Amino acid sequence: MIWYKEQIDDDIVVSTRIRLARNISGLPFPRVMNAEQKQKAVSTVRDAVIGGNSTLASMFDFTDINALSDMHKQSLIEEHIISPELAEKEGGALLRSNDGTMSIMLMEEDCIRLQIIRGGLCLDEAWETADKVDDVIEESVEYAFDSEFGYLTSCPTNTGTGLRASVMMHLPALVMAGNISKVISSAGRLGIAVRGLYGEGSKSYGNLYQFSNQVTMGNSEKEIIDKLKNIVNQIVSLEKQTRESIKKNNGEELEDKLWRSYGTLKFARKISSSEAKTLLSDVMIGKNMGIINTGASLTELMVMSEPAHIAESAGKQLTSAERDKKRAQMLRENI
């Protein structure tokens, strides 16, 4: 099941992602490839995954990224299935599992970007799956590898294991208390990068932050994952403590804020994408703290309220004003 539809009891850890960067021995990196080389690389990986006797053959579908509409590409970005970089690349392609939990981006920054995305905190399970898929591909594809440096990648920070482990966290209480900058700073000193909703260079909307390892060289995959898991668990504890403190000391103000957000979602006629994330974040923490009772899948609504998803639900391109009206209607019907 795709990550945002998984039923997770705790709203603090929203999702887990394991991503492996790989390149093909004997071929240049995608940035300097010509069209013929890109086509050869795509065919090589596609055949390794869904061709012949591959154990993955029935699990994945192949898509030429350039054949998709801009709306569909943006929808895949909103679901974190592909990156904004892949959407803009000529010759890019996607292998996506039938259950939506695995995707393999081809010809992005590296020849292969294999990623597993799951709801909640499941770093060990996601890594185990990624490692198995990686092994199957490597049976047919010789990776660019150096005995001293490890897997060779376009960006030096990925060289080594090629592993980027990420956890998306919902941290409204730390934001309310003004402590999020301290958390980000402390994580940075421990070698953990903190980014916004859509990775590097993106902003944090809806109090959502991505925590991931900064470098992959010099550490094993297990060491990288254990370190991130330890830091994430500490932040979870801090978020829970901060929620209890706010509830104890500013309970009435907190309830008023959260119920106002719920009321806006329930009755507003126009809501922007960024406002929707802020309001849904408030209802998420309200639901988790037992203040607001709603059966709505709030993480799913965050994704479904994104611009491309709103346009796709309408079956056509919409103006910004039309999207705001359609989004408000969708939220009223589902909240």
Protein backbone atom coordinates (compact mmCIF):
# COMPACT_ATOMS: atom_id res chain seq x y z
CA MET A 1 0.00 0.00 0.00
CA ILE A 2 1.30 3.46 -0.87
CA TRP A 3 2.79 5.23 2.15
CA TYR A 4 0.19 7.95 2.74
CA LYS A 5 -2.69 5.45 2.84
CA GLU A 6 -1.12 3.26 5.51
CA GLN A 7 -2.91 3.49 8.84
CA ILE A 8 -0.36 4.79 11.36
CA ASP A 9 -1.34 5.27 15.01
CA ASP A 10 1.23 7.99 15.74
CA ASP A 11 1.25 11.16 13.65
CA ILE A 12 4.82 12.16 14.56
CA VAL A 13 6.71 9.83 12.20
CA VAL A 14 4.82 10.16 8.94
CA SER A 15 6.97 8.10 6.57
CA THR A 16 10.27 6.31 6.04
CA ARG A 17 12.32 6.34 2.84
CA ILE A 18 15.37 4.30 1.90
CA ARG A 19 17.11 5.43 -1.31
CA LEU A 20 20.08 3.80 -3.03
CA ALA A 21 22.12 5.62 -5.68
CA ARG A 22 23.85 3.50 -8.31
CA ASN A 23 25.61 4.00 -11.64
CA ILE A 24 26.51 1.55 -14.40
CA SER A 25 30.09 0.49 -14.96
CA GLY A 26 31.44 1.54 -18.37
CA LEU A 27 28.93 4.36 -18.84
CA PRO A 28 29.32 8.04 -17.87
CA PHE A 29 27.03 9.60 -15.28
CA PRO A 30 23.66 10.83 -16.65
CA ARG A 31 24.71 14.49 -16.55
CA VAL A 32 27.19 13.93 -19.41
CA MET A 33 25.43 11.08 -21.22
CA ASN A 34 24.21 11.49 -24.78
CA ALA A 35 20.75 10.29 -25.84
CA GLU A 36 22.03 6.93 -27.08
CA GLN A 37 23.86 6.21 -23.81
CA LYS A 38 20.77 7.13 -21.77
CA GLN A 39 18.64 4.80 -23.85
CA LYS A 40 21.16 1.98 -23.38
CA ALA A 41 21.27 2.52 -19.61
CA VAL A 42 17.48 2.60 -19.32
CA SER A 43 17.13 -0.58 -21.37
CA THR A 44 19.78 -2.33 -19.29
CA VAL A 45 18.06 -1.63 -15.98
CA ARG A 46 14.54 -2.21 -17.36
CA ASP A 47 15.58 -5.65 -18.65
CA ALA A 48 17.24 -6.46 -15.31
CA VAL A 49 14.04 -5.65 -13.39
CA ILE A 50 11.13 -6.71 -15.60
CA GLY A 51 12.80 -8.82 -18.26
CA GLY A 52 13.20 -12.58 -18.54
CA ASN A 53 13.57 -14.54 -15.33
CA SER A 54 13.82 -11.61 -12.92
CA THR A 55 12.03 -12.27 -9.63
CA LEU A 56 10.81 -8.67 -9.88
CA ALA A 57 9.25 -9.01 -13.35
CA SER A 58 5.62 -9.18 -12.20
CA MET A 59 6.05 -6.50 -9.51
CA PHE A 60 7.04 -3.44 -11.56
CA ASP A 61 5.66 -1.35 -14.41
CA PHE A 62 7.82 0.77 -16.73
CA THR A 63 7.04 4.40 -17.60
CA ASP A 64 8.79 6.82 -19.94
CA ILE A 65 8.80 10.05 -17.93
CA ASN A 66 8.79 12.26 -21.03
CA ALA A 67 5.58 10.59 -22.21
CA LEU A 68 3.68 11.81 -19.14
CA SER A 69 1.74 15.05 -18.93
CA ASP A 70 3.10 17.82 -16.73
CA MET A 71 0.12 17.30 -14.42
CA HIS A 72 0.84 13.60 -14.01
CA LYS A 73 4.53 14.23 -13.37
CA GLN A 74 3.68 16.79 -10.71
CA SER A 75 1.27 14.33 -9.13
CA LEU A 76 4.09 11.76 -8.85
CA ILE A 77 6.30 14.42 -7.25
CA GLU A 78 3.56 15.20 -4.72
CA GLU A 79 3.45 11.50 -3.79
CA HIS A 80 7.28 11.43 -3.50
CA ILE A 81 7.42 8.74 -6.19
CA ILE A 82 9.74 10.81 -8.39
CA SER A 83 11.88 13.88 -7.77
CA PRO A 84 11.43 17.29 -9.39
CA GLU A 85 14.80 16.71 -11.07
CA LEU A 86 13.63 13.53 -12.84
CA ALA A 87 10.49 15.27 -14.09
CA GLU A 88 12.64 17.73 -16.00
CA LYS A 89 15.20 15.26 -17.41
CA GLU A 90 15.21 14.19 -21.05
CA GLY A 91 15.48 10.43 -21.35
CA GLY A 92 14.29 9.76 -17.80
CA ALA A 93 12.19 6.75 -16.88
CA LEU A 94 10.46 5.15 -13.91
CA LEU A 95 9.98 1.60 -12.71
CA ARG A 96 7.23 1.53 -10.09
CA SER A 97 5.97 -1.41 -8.06
CA ASN A 98 2.32 -2.38 -8.30
CA ASP A 99 1.72 -1.67 -4.61
CA GLY A 100 3.27 1.81 -4.82
CA THR A 101 5.89 1.19 -2.13
CA MET A 102 8.91 0.95 -4.46
CA SER A 103 10.13 3.13 -7.31
CA ILE A 104 13.30 3.12 -9.38
CA MET A 105 14.15 6.45 -11.01
CA LEU A 106 16.34 6.10 -14.09
CA MET A 107 18.59 8.84 -15.46
CA GLU A 108 18.02 11.32 -12.63
CA GLU A 109 21.26 12.50 -10.97
CA ASP A 110 22.50 8.90 -11.12
CA CYS A 111 21.61 6.08 -13.50
CA ILE A 112 19.60 4.35 -10.77
CA ARG A 113 17.80 5.81 -7.78
CA LEU A 114 16.06 2.93 -6.03
CA GLN A 115 13.72 4.02 -3.25
CA ILE A 116 11.39 2.34 -0.79
CA ILE A 117 8.76 4.52 0.90
CA ARG A 118 6.61 3.28 3.76
CA GLY A 119 4.31 4.88 6.30
CA GLY A 120 5.59 5.30 9.87
CA LEU A 121 9.01 4.40 11.24
CA CYS A 122 10.29 1.22 9.57
CA LEU A 123 13.90 1.88 8.59
CA ASP A 124 15.08 -1.71 9.07
CA GLU A 125 12.23 -3.20 7.05
CA ALA A 126 12.59 -0.67 4.24
CA TRP A 127 16.36 -1.24 4.07
CA GLU A 128 15.88 -5.02 3.93
CA THR A 129 13.53 -4.64 0.95
CA ALA A 130 15.83 -2.18 -0.84
CA ASP A 131 18.82 -4.46 -0.32
CA LYS A 132 16.99 -7.44 -1.85
CA VAL A 133 15.86 -5.45 -4.91
CA ASP A 134 19.36 -4.02 -5.30
CA ASP A 135 20.82 -7.55 -5.26
CA VAL A 136 18.46 -8.69 -8.01
CA ILE A 137 19.43 -5.76 -10.24
CA GLU A 138 23.12 -6.36 -9.57
CA GLU A 139 22.79 -9.92 -10.87
CA SER A 140 22.44 -8.41 -14.36
CA VAL A 141 23.94 -4.92 -14.06
CA GLU A 142 27.56 -4.22 -13.18
CA TYR A 143 27.63 -1.19 -10.91
CA ALA A 144 30.29 1.53 -10.94
CA PHE A 145 32.23 0.57 -7.81
CA ASP A 146 35.66 1.35 -6.38
CA SER A 147 37.31 -0.87 -3.75
CA GLU A 148 38.43 2.20 -1.79
CA PHE A 149 35.52 4.61 -2.23
CA GLY A 150 32.56 2.26 -2.64
CA TYR A 151 29.68 2.94 -5.03
CA LEU A 152 30.53 5.87 -7.32
CA THR A 153 27.87 8.57 -7.61
CA SER A 154 27.39 11.97 -9.23
CA CYS A 155 27.31 13.76 -5.87
CA PRO A 156 30.29 13.07 -3.56
CA THR A 157 28.03 12.96 -0.49
CA ASN A 158 26.35 9.82 -1.90
CA THR A 159 29.59 8.01 -2.70
CA GLY A 160 30.24 5.04 -0.43
CA THR A 161 27.17 2.99 0.42
CA GLY A 162 25.02 5.19 -1.84
CA LEU A 163 22.42 5.05 0.93
CA ARG A 164 20.20 7.96 1.89
CA ALA A 165 17.89 7.04 4.76
CA SER A 166 15.14 9.58 5.45
CA VAL A 167 12.32 9.97 7.93
CA MET A 168 9.50 12.49 7.51
CA MET A 169 8.42 13.89 10.86
CA HIS A 170 5.42 15.99 11.92
CA LEU A 171 6.63 18.34 14.67
CA PRO A 172 3.97 20.99 15.38
CA ALA A 173 4.58 21.23 19.14
CA LEU A 174 8.31 21.92 18.69
CA VAL A 175 7.38 24.61 16.17
CA MET A 176 4.76 26.13 18.51
CA ALA A 177 7.26 26.18 21.39
CA GLY A 178 9.93 27.82 19.21
CA ASN A 179 12.33 24.91 19.66
CA ILE A 180 12.48 23.54 16.11
CA SER A 181 15.59 25.55 15.18
CA LYS A 182 17.45 24.03 18.15
CA VAL A 183 16.45 20.54 17.04
CA ILE A 184 17.60 21.21 13.47
CA SER A 185 20.90 22.65 14.69
CA SER A 186 21.54 19.70 17.02
CA ALA A 187 20.72 17.21 14.27
CA GLY A 188 23.15 18.98 11.92
CA ARG A 189 25.97 18.67 14.43
CA LEU A 190 25.30 14.93 14.57
CA GLY A 191 25.55 14.56 10.78
CA ILE A 192 21.82 14.59 10.07
CA ALA A 193 20.44 16.88 7.36
CA VAL A 194 17.01 18.46 7.88
CA ARG A 195 15.01 19.51 4.82
CA GLY A 196 11.50 20.52 3.88
CA LEU A 197 8.63 18.50 2.48
CA TYR A 198 10.19 17.85 -0.93
CA GLY A 199 13.83 17.47 0.01
CA GLU A 200 16.80 19.69 -0.65
CA GLY A 201 15.94 23.34 -1.20
CA SER A 202 12.25 22.92 -0.32
CA LYS A 203 10.33 24.59 2.48
CA SER A 204 8.68 22.94 5.45
CA TYR A 205 4.90 23.08 5.10
CA GLY A 206 2.46 21.63 7.60
CA ASN A 207 5.24 21.32 10.23
CA LEU A 208 6.74 18.44 8.20
CA TYR A 209 10.52 17.92 8.21
CA GLN A 210 12.76 15.34 6.54
CA PHE A 211 15.66 13.99 8.59
CA SER A 212 18.36 12.07 6.69
CA ASN A 213 22.02 11.08 6.85
CA GLN A 214 24.37 13.66 5.30
CA VAL A 215 27.15 11.35 4.07
CA THR A 216 27.38 7.67 3.20
CA MET A 217 31.13 7.06 3.07
CA GLY A 218 32.93 5.55 6.05
CA ASN A 219 29.85 3.98 7.62
CA SER A 220 28.01 0.74 6.97
CA GLU A 221 24.35 0.73 6.04
CA LYS A 222 23.47 -0.60 9.50
CA GLU A 223 25.46 2.17 11.21
CA ILE A 224 23.71 4.84 9.11
CA ILE A 225 20.26 3.44 9.84
CA ASP A 226 20.89 2.86 13.56
CA LYS A 227 22.18 6.41 14.00
CA LEU A 228 19.17 7.95 12.24
CA LYS A 229 16.76 5.73 14.16
CA ASN A 230 18.29 6.76 17.47
CA ILE A 231 18.03 10.47 16.65
CA VAL A 232 14.46 10.11 15.36
CA ASN A 233 13.39 8.35 18.56
CA GLN A 234 14.89 11.17 20.64
CA ILE A 235 12.99 13.77 18.60
CA VAL A 236 9.77 11.76 18.96
CA SER A 237 10.19 11.83 22.75
CA LEU A 238 10.90 15.56 22.71
CA GLU A 239 7.84 16.26 20.55
CA LYS A 240 5.62 14.22 22.88
CA GLN A 241 7.00 15.99 25.97
CA THR A 242 6.46 19.38 24.35
CA ARG A 243 2.87 18.49 23.45
CA GLU A 244 2.12 17.55 27.03
CA SER A 245 3.74 20.76 28.30
CA ILE A 246 1.70 22.93 25.93
CA LYS A 247 -1.49 21.09 26.82
CA LYS A 248 -0.81 21.48 30.54
CA ASN A 249 0.19 25.14 30.48
CA ASN A 250 -1.81 26.51 27.54
CA GLY A 251 -4.60 23.98 27.15
CA GLU A 252 -7.43 26.39 26.37
CA GLU A 253 -5.40 28.35 23.82
CA LEU A 254 -4.26 25.10 22.19
CA GLU A 255 -7.79 23.71 21.93
CA ASP A 256 -9.08 27.00 20.52
CA LYS A 257 -6.35 27.04 17.85
CA LEU A 258 -6.93 23.43 16.82
CA TRP A 259 -10.73 23.69 16.72
CA ARG A 260 -10.50 26.90 14.66
CA SER A 261 -8.41 25.00 12.11
CA TYR A 262 -10.93 22.17 12.09
CA GLY A 263 -13.76 24.65 11.59
CA THR A 264 -11.99 26.29 8.66
CA LEU A 265 -11.47 22.91 6.98
CA LYS A 266 -15.10 22.01 7.62
CA PHE A 267 -16.70 25.18 6.30
CA ALA A 268 -14.28 27.28 4.19
CA ARG A 269 -15.04 27.82 0.51
CA LYS A 270 -11.48 28.61 -0.61
CA ILE A 271 -8.26 27.10 0.76
CA SER A 272 -4.76 27.31 -0.70
CA SER A 273 -2.36 24.37 -0.74
CA SER A 274 -0.06 25.82 1.94
CA GLU A 275 -3.00 26.80 4.17
CA ALA A 276 -4.45 23.28 3.83
CA LYS A 277 -1.22 21.75 5.15
CA THR A 278 -1.17 24.14 8.12
CA LEU A 279 -4.80 23.43 8.99
CA LEU A 280 -4.43 19.68 8.54
CA SER A 281 -1.33 19.73 10.73
CA ASP A 282 -3.39 21.30 13.52
CA VAL A 283 -6.11 18.68 13.17
CA MET A 284 -3.49 15.90 13.12
CA ILE A 285 -2.05 16.95 16.46
CA GLY A 286 -5.58 17.50 17.81
CA LYS A 287 -6.58 13.98 16.82
CA ASN A 288 -3.43 12.46 18.29
CA MET A 289 -3.88 14.30 21.59
CA GLY A 290 -7.54 13.27 21.88
CA ILE A 291 -8.84 16.83 21.46
CA ILE A 292 -10.50 16.36 18.05
CA ASN A 293 -12.38 13.22 17.02
CA THR A 294 -12.26 12.59 13.28
CA GLY A 295 -12.00 9.44 11.21
CA ALA A 296 -10.39 11.28 8.31
CA SER A 297 -7.04 10.06 6.95
CA LEU A 298 -5.22 13.35 7.45
CA THR A 299 -1.89 12.40 5.88
CA GLU A 300 -3.75 11.24 2.78
CA LEU A 301 -5.68 14.53 2.70
CA MET A 302 -2.36 16.43 2.77
CA VAL A 303 -1.35 14.65 -0.42
CA MET A 304 -4.78 14.80 -2.07
CA SER A 305 -4.98 18.56 -1.46
CA GLU A 306 -1.80 19.19 -3.49
CA PRO A 307 -2.27 21.20 -6.73
CA ALA A 308 -1.78 18.40 -9.27
CA HIS A 309 -3.98 15.99 -7.31
CA ILE A 310 -6.73 18.60 -7.18
CA ALA A 311 -6.44 19.17 -10.93
CA GLU A 312 -6.44 15.42 -11.62
CA SER A 313 -9.59 14.99 -9.52
CA ALA A 314 -11.24 17.65 -11.70
CA GLY A 315 -9.96 15.99 -14.86
CA LYS A 316 -8.53 19.21 -16.27
CA GLN A 317 -6.12 22.06 -15.69
CA LEU A 318 -7.44 24.62 -13.20
CA THR A 319 -6.54 28.17 -12.34
CA SER A 320 -5.19 28.85 -8.87
CA ALA A 321 -8.56 30.24 -7.77
CA GLU A 322 -10.39 27.22 -9.16
CA ARG A 323 -8.03 24.87 -7.36
CA ASP A 324 -8.61 26.71 -4.06
CA LYS A 325 -12.38 26.24 -4.44
CA LYS A 326 -12.07 22.59 -5.48
CA ARG A 327 -9.62 21.91 -2.62
CA ALA A 328 -11.96 23.46 -0.04
CA GLN A 329 -14.83 21.34 -1.36
CA MET A 330 -12.75 18.16 -1.19
CA LEU A 331 -11.66 18.91 2.37
CA ARG A 332 -15.21 19.72 3.51
CA GLU A 333 -16.40 16.40 2.15
CA ASN A 334 -13.64 14.35 3.79
CA ILE A 335 -12.79 16.03 7.09
